[in-house]
Amino acid sequence: MDFLILLLFCLPIIALGVALVKDYRGLRTFFASRSYDTPEDEKRYRGPAVLTGWVFIVIGSLPIADQLRLFLF
């Protein structure tokens, strides 16, 4: 039961991170800026947004990995 609650809590965090990394339906560009003047502006905002997405993925995965480690070993 604890693992199910853990999944219900962590999976939306991981999904948000994946959406930021993959720019799912323009989520990353929505947070970066409403309008880009040049393609260089988009490149400038892409790095921090992708890094933030990876942080969400890693933070969401840590409790799941810890629970699996306790279960398997």
N, C-alpha and C. Protein backbone atom coordinates (compact mmCIF):
# COMPACT_ATOMS: atom_id res chain seq x y z
N MET A 1 0.81 -1.20 0.00
CA MET A 1 0.00 0.00 0.00
C MET A 1 0.86 1.27 0.00
N ASP A 2 1.97 1.21 0.73
CA ASP A 2 2.87 2.37 0.76
C ASP A 2 3.44 2.65 -0.63
N PHE A 3 3.75 1.59 -1.37
CA PHE A 3 4.31 1.77 -2.70
C PHE A 3 3.29 2.41 -3.64
N LEU A 4 2.04 2.05 -3.51
CA LEU A 4 0.99 2.64 -4.35
C LEU A 4 0.84 4.13 -4.05
N ILE A 5 0.84 4.49 -2.79
CA ILE A 5 0.75 5.90 -2.40
C ILE A 5 1.99 6.65 -2.91
N LEU A 6 3.15 6.02 -2.82
CA LEU A 6 4.37 6.63 -3.32
C LEU A 6 4.28 6.87 -4.84
N LEU A 7 3.77 5.90 -5.57
CA LEU A 7 3.61 6.08 -7.02
C LEU A 7 2.61 7.18 -7.34
N LEU A 8 1.53 7.24 -6.61
CA LEU A 8 0.52 8.27 -6.86
C LEU A 8 1.06 9.67 -6.58
N PHE A 9 2.01 9.77 -5.69
CA PHE A 9 2.62 11.06 -5.39
C PHE A 9 3.74 11.42 -6.36
N CYS A 10 4.56 10.44 -6.72
CA CYS A 10 5.76 10.72 -7.52
C CYS A 10 5.53 10.76 -9.02
N LEU A 11 4.60 9.99 -9.53
CA LEU A 11 4.40 9.95 -10.98
C LEU A 11 3.99 11.29 -11.58
N PRO A 12 3.13 12.09 -10.96
CA PRO A 12 2.85 13.41 -11.54
C PRO A 12 4.08 14.33 -11.57
N ILE A 13 4.95 14.21 -10.58
CA ILE A 13 6.18 15.01 -10.57
C ILE A 13 7.08 14.59 -11.73
N ILE A 14 7.20 13.28 -11.93
CA ILE A 14 8.01 12.78 -13.04
C ILE A 14 7.39 13.19 -14.38
N ALA A 15 6.07 13.11 -14.49
CA ALA A 15 5.39 13.50 -15.73
C ALA A 15 5.60 14.98 -16.05
N LEU A 16 5.59 15.82 -15.03
CA LEU A 16 5.86 17.24 -15.25
C LEU A 16 7.28 17.45 -15.76
N GLY A 17 8.23 16.73 -15.19
CA GLY A 17 9.61 16.83 -15.66
C GLY A 17 9.77 16.38 -17.09
N VAL A 18 9.12 15.28 -17.45
CA VAL A 18 9.19 14.79 -18.84
C VAL A 18 8.54 15.79 -19.78
N ALA A 19 7.44 16.39 -19.37
CA ALA A 19 6.78 17.38 -20.22
C ALA A 19 7.66 18.61 -20.43
N LEU A 20 8.40 19.00 -19.42
CA LEU A 20 9.31 20.14 -19.57
C LEU A 20 10.49 19.79 -20.49
N VAL A 21 11.02 18.59 -20.35
CA VAL A 21 12.16 18.19 -21.17
C VAL A 21 11.75 18.03 -22.62
N LYS A 22 10.62 17.38 -22.86
CA LYS A 22 10.18 17.10 -24.23
C LYS A 22 9.39 18.25 -24.85
N ASP A 23 9.07 19.28 -24.09
CA ASP A 23 8.25 20.41 -24.54
C ASP A 23 6.88 19.91 -25.03
N TYR A 24 6.26 19.08 -24.20
CA TYR A 24 4.97 18.50 -24.53
C TYR A 24 3.90 19.59 -24.61
N ARG A 25 3.31 19.73 -25.78
CA ARG A 25 2.27 20.72 -26.07
C ARG A 25 2.69 22.14 -25.71
N GLY A 26 3.95 22.42 -25.85
CA GLY A 26 4.44 23.78 -25.63
C GLY A 26 4.57 24.18 -24.17
N LEU A 27 4.66 23.22 -23.27
CA LEU A 27 4.73 23.54 -21.84
C LEU A 27 6.00 24.32 -21.51
N ARG A 28 7.15 23.89 -22.05
CA ARG A 28 8.40 24.57 -21.76
C ARG A 28 8.39 25.99 -22.33
N THR A 29 7.89 26.15 -23.54
CA THR A 29 7.88 27.48 -24.14
C THR A 29 6.87 28.39 -23.47
N PHE A 30 5.82 27.82 -22.88
CA PHE A 30 4.85 28.62 -22.14
C PHE A 30 5.49 29.25 -20.91
N PHE A 31 6.31 28.48 -20.20
CA PHE A 31 6.94 29.00 -19.00
C PHE A 31 8.12 29.91 -19.32
N ALA A 32 8.76 29.70 -20.44
CA ALA A 32 9.95 30.50 -20.77
C ALA A 32 9.57 31.92 -21.13
N SER A 33 8.64 32.07 -22.04
CA SER A 33 8.28 33.40 -22.48
C SER A 33 7.02 33.30 -23.33
N ARG A 34 6.23 34.35 -23.34
CA ARG A 34 5.02 34.36 -24.16
C ARG A 34 5.35 34.48 -25.64
N SER A 35 6.34 35.26 -25.97
CA SER A 35 6.71 35.42 -27.37
C SER A 35 8.22 35.55 -27.48
N TYR A 36 8.75 34.91 -28.47
CA TYR A 36 10.18 35.01 -28.72
C TYR A 36 10.40 36.00 -29.85
N ASP A 37 11.36 36.88 -29.67
CA ASP A 37 11.70 37.81 -30.74
C ASP A 37 12.57 37.15 -31.80
N THR A 38 13.50 36.34 -31.33
CA THR A 38 14.43 35.68 -32.25
C THR A 38 14.60 34.22 -31.81
N PRO A 39 15.11 33.37 -32.71
CA PRO A 39 15.40 31.99 -32.31
C PRO A 39 16.46 31.89 -31.21
N GLU A 40 17.31 32.91 -31.11
CA GLU A 40 18.32 32.89 -30.05
C GLU A 40 17.68 33.01 -28.67
N ASP A 41 16.55 33.72 -28.58
CA ASP A 41 15.83 33.81 -27.31
C ASP A 41 15.32 32.44 -26.88
N GLU A 42 14.82 31.68 -27.84
CA GLU A 42 14.33 30.35 -27.51
C GLU A 42 15.47 29.46 -27.03
N LYS A 43 16.63 29.55 -27.67
CA LYS A 43 17.79 28.76 -27.25
C LYS A 43 18.26 29.17 -25.86
N ARG A 44 18.15 30.46 -25.55
CA ARG A 44 18.60 30.95 -24.25
C ARG A 44 17.73 30.40 -23.12
N TYR A 45 16.43 30.29 -23.34
CA TYR A 45 15.53 29.80 -22.29
C TYR A 45 15.42 28.28 -22.27
N ARG A 46 15.88 27.62 -23.30
CA ARG A 46 15.73 26.17 -23.38
C ARG A 46 16.56 25.46 -22.31
N GLY A 47 17.80 25.88 -22.11
CA GLY A 47 18.69 25.21 -21.16
C GLY A 47 18.16 25.15 -19.74
N PRO A 48 17.80 26.28 -19.15
CA PRO A 48 17.27 26.23 -17.77
C PRO A 48 15.96 25.45 -17.66
N ALA A 49 15.12 25.52 -18.68
CA ALA A 49 13.85 24.78 -18.63
C ALA A 49 14.09 23.28 -18.69
N VAL A 50 15.01 22.85 -19.54
CA VAL A 50 15.33 21.42 -19.63
C VAL A 50 16.00 20.95 -18.34
N LEU A 51 16.88 21.75 -17.78
CA LEU A 51 17.51 21.39 -16.51
C LEU A 51 16.48 21.27 -15.39
N THR A 52 15.52 22.17 -15.36
CA THR A 52 14.45 22.09 -14.37
C THR A 52 13.63 20.83 -14.56
N GLY A 53 13.38 20.47 -15.81
CA GLY A 53 12.66 19.22 -16.08
C GLY A 53 13.40 18.01 -15.57
N TRP A 54 14.71 17.97 -15.78
CA TRP A 54 15.51 16.85 -15.28
C TRP A 54 15.54 16.81 -13.75
N VAL A 55 15.54 17.98 -13.13
CA VAL A 55 15.49 18.01 -11.65
C VAL A 55 14.19 17.40 -11.16
N PHE A 56 13.07 17.72 -11.82
CA PHE A 56 11.79 17.11 -11.44
C PHE A 56 11.82 15.60 -11.63
N ILE A 57 12.42 15.14 -12.71
CA ILE A 57 12.49 13.70 -12.97
C ILE A 57 13.32 13.00 -11.90
N VAL A 58 14.47 13.56 -11.57
CA VAL A 58 15.35 12.93 -10.58
C VAL A 58 14.73 12.96 -9.19
N ILE A 59 14.20 14.10 -8.80
CA ILE A 59 13.59 14.20 -7.46
C ILE A 59 12.38 13.27 -7.34
N GLY A 60 11.60 13.16 -8.40
CA GLY A 60 10.46 12.25 -8.36
C GLY A 60 10.86 10.79 -8.36
N SER A 61 12.01 10.48 -8.93
CA SER A 61 12.45 9.08 -9.01
C SER A 61 13.16 8.59 -7.75
N LEU A 62 13.72 9.49 -6.97
CA LEU A 62 14.48 9.07 -5.79
C LEU A 62 13.66 8.28 -4.77
N PRO A 63 12.45 8.71 -4.38
CA PRO A 63 11.69 7.91 -3.42
C PRO A 63 11.30 6.54 -3.98
N ILE A 64 11.03 6.47 -5.28
CA ILE A 64 10.68 5.18 -5.89
C ILE A 64 11.89 4.26 -5.87
N ALA A 65 13.06 4.78 -6.20
CA ALA A 65 14.28 3.97 -6.18
C ALA A 65 14.60 3.50 -4.76
N ASP A 66 14.41 4.35 -3.79
CA ASP A 66 14.66 3.98 -2.41
C ASP A 66 13.72 2.88 -1.95
N GLN A 67 12.46 3.00 -2.30
CA GLN A 67 11.47 1.98 -1.92
C GLN A 67 11.79 0.64 -2.60
N LEU A 68 12.18 0.69 -3.86
CA LEU A 68 12.56 -0.54 -4.55
C LEU A 68 13.82 -1.17 -3.95
N ARG A 69 14.76 -0.33 -3.54
CA ARG A 69 15.96 -0.84 -2.90
C ARG A 69 15.61 -1.55 -1.60
N LEU A 70 14.73 -0.98 -0.81
CA LEU A 70 14.32 -1.62 0.43
C LEU A 70 13.55 -2.92 0.18
N PHE A 71 12.77 -2.95 -0.88
CA PHE A 71 11.97 -4.13 -1.19
C PHE A 71 12.83 -5.26 -1.72
N LEU A 72 13.81 -4.94 -2.55
CA LEU A 72 14.60 -5.98 -3.19
C LEU A 72 15.76 -6.46 -2.35
N PHE A 73 16.32 -5.61 -1.51
CA PHE A 73 17.52 -6.03 -0.77
C PHE A 73 17.25 -6.07 0.67
